[in-house]
Amino acid sequence: FRRARRPDGTARDGGSARSRQVAVRVAPGGGVEWEGRAVSPEELQMLMQQAAMTSRDHLLVVVSASGEVKYADVFRVVHMARVYGIESKLADTLGSAE
């Protein structure tokens, strides 16, 4: 169960929302890093599922990738986050969220 959030980050019941960001980097060739550690696709799925199930905070996966990365590889990560109810944003090449 997740509390519904307003655009300003507060919960609809009046409580404030805490946010937790997780950095996921997609490398050329399809490799993925979770918080700086290389992980397999299966491990990435397990980590996202575990984070979604155990976190009481609002989760945000910030996905970074260089221009050499295939769109399909980035989409796979963003879609996986969505499946587990995790918000995702793409980061620019400097690492700031867009």
N, C-alpha and C. Protein backbone atom coordinates (compact mmCIF):
# COMPACT_ATOMS: atom_id res chain seq x y z
N PHE A 1 0.84 -1.18 0.00
CA PHE A 1 0.00 0.00 0.00
C PHE A 1 0.87 1.24 0.00
N ARG A 2 0.63 2.13 -0.95
CA ARG A 2 1.37 3.38 -1.02
C ARG A 2 0.40 4.53 -0.88
N ARG A 3 0.78 5.51 -0.09
CA ARG A 3 -0.07 6.68 0.05
C ARG A 3 -0.01 7.51 -1.22
N ALA A 4 -1.15 8.03 -1.61
CA ALA A 4 -1.20 8.89 -2.80
C ALA A 4 -0.45 10.19 -2.50
N ARG A 5 0.24 10.70 -3.50
CA ARG A 5 1.05 11.91 -3.33
C ARG A 5 0.52 13.04 -4.19
N ARG A 6 0.66 14.23 -3.69
CA ARG A 6 0.38 15.43 -4.47
C ARG A 6 1.63 15.80 -5.24
N PRO A 7 1.51 16.66 -6.25
CA PRO A 7 2.70 17.08 -7.01
C PRO A 7 3.78 17.73 -6.15
N ASP A 8 3.40 18.35 -5.01
CA ASP A 8 4.40 18.99 -4.15
C ASP A 8 5.11 18.00 -3.24
N GLY A 9 4.77 16.71 -3.34
CA GLY A 9 5.45 15.69 -2.56
C GLY A 9 4.79 15.35 -1.24
N THR A 10 3.73 16.03 -0.87
CA THR A 10 3.06 15.71 0.38
C THR A 10 2.03 14.63 0.14
N ALA A 11 1.79 13.86 1.15
CA ALA A 11 0.79 12.80 1.06
C ALA A 11 -0.59 13.44 1.15
N ARG A 12 -1.57 12.80 0.52
CA ARG A 12 -2.92 13.35 0.55
C ARG A 12 -3.51 13.37 1.94
N ASP A 13 -2.97 12.56 2.84
CA ASP A 13 -3.49 12.59 4.21
C ASP A 13 -2.82 13.67 5.05
N GLY A 14 -1.99 14.51 4.40
CA GLY A 14 -1.37 15.64 5.09
C GLY A 14 0.06 15.39 5.54
N GLY A 15 0.50 14.15 5.57
CA GLY A 15 1.87 13.87 5.98
C GLY A 15 2.86 14.24 4.89
N SER A 16 4.08 14.49 5.27
CA SER A 16 5.06 14.83 4.25
C SER A 16 5.71 13.57 3.71
N ALA A 17 6.06 13.62 2.46
CA ALA A 17 6.66 12.46 1.80
C ALA A 17 8.17 12.57 1.88
N ARG A 18 8.81 11.47 2.18
CA ARG A 18 10.26 11.41 2.08
C ARG A 18 10.57 10.76 0.75
N SER A 19 11.70 11.13 0.20
CA SER A 19 12.06 10.61 -1.11
C SER A 19 13.41 9.91 -1.03
N ARG A 20 13.51 8.81 -1.74
CA ARG A 20 14.77 8.07 -1.82
C ARG A 20 15.12 7.92 -3.29
N GLN A 21 16.32 8.33 -3.66
CA GLN A 21 16.76 8.20 -5.04
C GLN A 21 17.74 7.05 -5.16
N VAL A 22 17.62 6.33 -6.26
CA VAL A 22 18.53 5.24 -6.57
C VAL A 22 19.11 5.52 -7.95
N ALA A 23 20.43 5.48 -8.04
CA ALA A 23 21.11 5.74 -9.32
C ALA A 23 21.29 4.43 -10.08
N VAL A 24 20.80 4.42 -11.32
CA VAL A 24 20.96 3.26 -12.20
C VAL A 24 21.62 3.77 -13.48
N ARG A 25 22.75 3.18 -13.84
CA ARG A 25 23.45 3.59 -15.05
C ARG A 25 23.39 2.47 -16.07
N VAL A 26 23.03 2.85 -17.30
CA VAL A 26 22.99 1.89 -18.40
C VAL A 26 24.23 2.16 -19.25
N ALA A 27 25.02 1.13 -19.46
CA ALA A 27 26.28 1.25 -20.20
C ALA A 27 26.09 0.78 -21.64
N PRO A 28 26.96 1.26 -22.53
CA PRO A 28 26.93 0.73 -23.90
C PRO A 28 27.06 -0.80 -23.84
N GLY A 29 26.30 -1.49 -24.65
CA GLY A 29 26.32 -2.95 -24.61
C GLY A 29 25.24 -3.52 -23.71
N GLY A 30 24.51 -2.64 -22.98
CA GLY A 30 23.39 -3.10 -22.18
C GLY A 30 23.68 -3.40 -20.73
N GLY A 31 24.94 -3.27 -20.31
CA GLY A 31 25.25 -3.50 -18.90
C GLY A 31 24.56 -2.48 -18.02
N VAL A 32 24.27 -2.86 -16.79
CA VAL A 32 23.56 -1.97 -15.86
C VAL A 32 24.29 -1.94 -14.53
N GLU A 33 24.33 -0.74 -13.93
CA GLU A 33 24.87 -0.58 -12.58
C GLU A 33 23.78 -0.05 -11.67
N TRP A 34 23.68 -0.60 -10.49
CA TRP A 34 22.74 -0.16 -9.45
C TRP A 34 23.59 0.46 -8.36
N GLU A 35 23.46 1.75 -8.15
CA GLU A 35 24.25 2.46 -7.14
C GLU A 35 25.75 2.19 -7.32
N GLY A 36 26.21 2.17 -8.58
CA GLY A 36 27.63 2.02 -8.88
C GLY A 36 28.15 0.59 -8.94
N ARG A 37 27.29 -0.40 -8.74
CA ARG A 37 27.71 -1.80 -8.75
C ARG A 37 27.06 -2.51 -9.94
N ALA A 38 27.89 -3.17 -10.74
CA ALA A 38 27.37 -3.91 -11.90
C ALA A 38 26.44 -5.02 -11.43
N VAL A 39 25.27 -5.11 -12.10
CA VAL A 39 24.29 -6.14 -11.75
C VAL A 39 23.76 -6.79 -13.02
N SER A 40 23.33 -8.02 -12.90
CA SER A 40 22.71 -8.73 -14.02
C SER A 40 21.26 -8.25 -14.16
N PRO A 41 20.62 -8.52 -15.30
CA PRO A 41 19.21 -8.16 -15.44
C PRO A 41 18.32 -8.80 -14.36
N GLU A 42 18.63 -10.02 -13.99
CA GLU A 42 17.86 -10.69 -12.95
C GLU A 42 18.06 -10.02 -11.59
N GLU A 43 19.30 -9.63 -11.31
CA GLU A 43 19.58 -8.97 -10.04
C GLU A 43 18.94 -7.58 -10.00
N LEU A 44 18.94 -6.87 -11.14
CA LEU A 44 18.29 -5.57 -11.21
C LEU A 44 16.81 -5.72 -10.89
N GLN A 45 16.18 -6.71 -11.46
CA GLN A 45 14.76 -6.95 -11.20
C GLN A 45 14.53 -7.23 -9.72
N MET A 46 15.38 -8.05 -9.12
CA MET A 46 15.25 -8.37 -7.71
C MET A 46 15.44 -7.13 -6.85
N LEU A 47 16.43 -6.30 -7.18
CA LEU A 47 16.69 -5.09 -6.40
C LEU A 47 15.53 -4.10 -6.49
N MET A 48 14.96 -3.95 -7.68
CA MET A 48 13.81 -3.05 -7.83
C MET A 48 12.61 -3.57 -7.06
N GLN A 49 12.36 -4.86 -7.17
CA GLN A 49 11.23 -5.46 -6.46
C GLN A 49 11.41 -5.30 -4.95
N GLN A 50 12.60 -5.57 -4.48
CA GLN A 50 12.90 -5.46 -3.06
C GLN A 50 12.76 -4.02 -2.58
N ALA A 51 13.29 -3.06 -3.35
CA ALA A 51 13.19 -1.65 -2.98
C ALA A 51 11.73 -1.21 -2.92
N ALA A 52 10.94 -1.63 -3.89
CA ALA A 52 9.53 -1.25 -3.92
C ALA A 52 8.76 -1.84 -2.75
N MET A 53 9.10 -3.04 -2.35
CA MET A 53 8.37 -3.71 -1.28
C MET A 53 8.78 -3.23 0.10
N THR A 54 10.03 -2.83 0.27
CA THR A 54 10.52 -2.53 1.62
C THR A 54 10.60 -1.04 1.94
N SER A 55 10.55 -0.19 0.95
CA SER A 55 10.70 1.24 1.20
C SER A 55 9.38 1.88 1.58
N ARG A 56 9.41 2.68 2.63
CA ARG A 56 8.24 3.48 3.00
C ARG A 56 8.33 4.84 2.33
N ASP A 57 9.48 5.15 1.76
CA ASP A 57 9.71 6.43 1.12
C ASP A 57 9.26 6.40 -0.33
N HIS A 58 9.05 7.56 -0.89
CA HIS A 58 8.81 7.69 -2.32
C HIS A 58 10.11 7.30 -3.02
N LEU A 59 10.05 6.41 -3.98
CA LEU A 59 11.24 5.96 -4.69
C LEU A 59 11.35 6.65 -6.04
N LEU A 60 12.57 7.04 -6.38
CA LEU A 60 12.85 7.62 -7.67
C LEU A 60 14.11 6.98 -8.21
N VAL A 61 13.99 6.30 -9.34
CA VAL A 61 15.15 5.73 -10.01
C VAL A 61 15.62 6.75 -11.03
N VAL A 62 16.86 7.21 -10.88
CA VAL A 62 17.44 8.15 -11.83
C VAL A 62 18.33 7.35 -12.76
N VAL A 63 17.93 7.28 -14.03
CA VAL A 63 18.61 6.46 -15.03
C VAL A 63 19.54 7.35 -15.85
N SER A 64 20.81 7.00 -15.87
CA SER A 64 21.76 7.74 -16.69
C SER A 64 22.32 6.83 -17.76
N ALA A 65 22.60 7.43 -18.91
CA ALA A 65 23.13 6.68 -20.05
C ALA A 65 23.81 7.66 -20.99
N SER A 66 24.84 7.20 -21.66
CA SER A 66 25.50 8.04 -22.65
C SER A 66 24.79 7.91 -23.99
N GLY A 67 25.19 8.71 -24.95
CA GLY A 67 24.57 8.68 -26.27
C GLY A 67 24.80 7.40 -27.03
N GLU A 68 25.76 6.58 -26.61
CA GLU A 68 26.06 5.32 -27.31
C GLU A 68 25.15 4.18 -26.89
N VAL A 69 24.33 4.41 -25.88
CA VAL A 69 23.47 3.35 -25.35
C VAL A 69 22.22 3.22 -26.21
N LYS A 70 21.81 1.99 -26.47
CA LYS A 70 20.60 1.74 -27.25
C LYS A 70 19.37 2.15 -26.45
N TYR A 71 18.42 2.76 -27.15
CA TYR A 71 17.17 3.18 -26.53
C TYR A 71 16.49 2.00 -25.84
N ALA A 72 16.52 0.85 -26.46
CA ALA A 72 15.84 -0.34 -25.90
C ALA A 72 16.41 -0.71 -24.53
N ASP A 73 17.72 -0.52 -24.34
CA ASP A 73 18.34 -0.85 -23.05
C ASP A 73 17.86 0.10 -21.95
N VAL A 74 17.74 1.38 -22.30
CA VAL A 74 17.24 2.37 -21.33
C VAL A 74 15.76 2.10 -21.06
N PHE A 75 14.99 1.84 -22.10
CA PHE A 75 13.56 1.58 -21.95
C PHE A 75 13.32 0.39 -21.04
N ARG A 76 14.14 -0.63 -21.17
CA ARG A 76 13.99 -1.84 -20.33
C ARG A 76 14.06 -1.48 -18.85
N VAL A 77 15.00 -0.61 -18.49
CA VAL A 77 15.16 -0.21 -17.08
C VAL A 77 13.98 0.65 -16.63
N VAL A 78 13.59 1.62 -17.45
CA VAL A 78 12.47 2.50 -17.11
C VAL A 78 11.18 1.69 -16.98
N HIS A 79 10.96 0.76 -17.89
CA HIS A 79 9.77 -0.08 -17.85
C HIS A 79 9.77 -0.96 -16.60
N MET A 80 10.90 -1.50 -16.25
CA MET A 80 10.99 -2.34 -15.07
C MET A 80 10.62 -1.55 -13.81
N ALA A 81 11.10 -0.31 -13.73
CA ALA A 81 10.74 0.54 -12.59
C ALA A 81 9.24 0.74 -12.55
N ARG A 82 8.65 1.01 -13.70
CA ARG A 82 7.20 1.25 -13.77
C ARG A 82 6.42 0.02 -13.31
N VAL A 83 6.86 -1.16 -13.70
CA VAL A 83 6.19 -2.40 -13.31
C VAL A 83 6.10 -2.51 -11.79
N TYR A 84 7.14 -2.05 -11.09
CA TYR A 84 7.16 -2.14 -9.63
C TYR A 84 6.64 -0.88 -8.96
N GLY A 85 6.05 0.02 -9.74
CA GLY A 85 5.46 1.23 -9.16
C GLY A 85 6.48 2.26 -8.73
N ILE A 86 7.66 2.22 -9.33
CA ILE A 86 8.73 3.14 -8.98
C ILE A 86 8.80 4.22 -10.04
N GLU A 87 8.85 5.47 -9.61
CA GLU A 87 9.01 6.58 -10.54
C GLU A 87 10.43 6.55 -11.10
N SER A 88 10.57 6.94 -12.36
CA SER A 88 11.92 7.00 -12.94
C SER A 88 12.07 8.28 -13.73
N LYS A 89 13.30 8.77 -13.78
CA LYS A 89 13.63 9.95 -14.56
C LYS A 89 14.96 9.68 -15.25
N LEU A 90 15.11 10.29 -16.41
CA LEU A 90 16.37 10.18 -17.12
C LEU A 90 17.26 11.33 -16.68
N ALA A 91 18.54 11.05 -16.49
CA ALA A 91 19.50 12.07 -16.13
C ALA A 91 20.22 12.51 -17.40
N ASP A 92 20.64 13.77 -17.43
CA ASP A 92 21.44 14.22 -18.56
C ASP A 92 22.88 13.70 -18.40
N THR A 93 23.73 13.98 -19.34
CA THR A 93 25.10 13.43 -19.30
C THR A 93 25.91 13.99 -18.14
N LEU A 94 25.47 15.09 -17.54
CA LEU A 94 26.15 15.66 -16.38
C LEU A 94 25.65 15.05 -15.09
N GLY A 95 24.60 14.23 -15.19
CA GLY A 95 24.10 13.52 -14.03
C GLY A 95 22.96 14.19 -13.28
N SER A 96 22.48 15.33 -13.75
CA SER A 96 21.37 15.97 -13.06
C SER A 96 20.06 15.47 -13.67
N ALA A 97 19.06 15.31 -12.83
CA ALA A 97 17.76 14.80 -13.30
C ALA A 97 17.08 15.85 -14.16
N GLU A 98 16.46 15.40 -15.26
CA GLU A 98 15.73 16.31 -16.14
C GLU A 98 14.28 16.35 -15.74
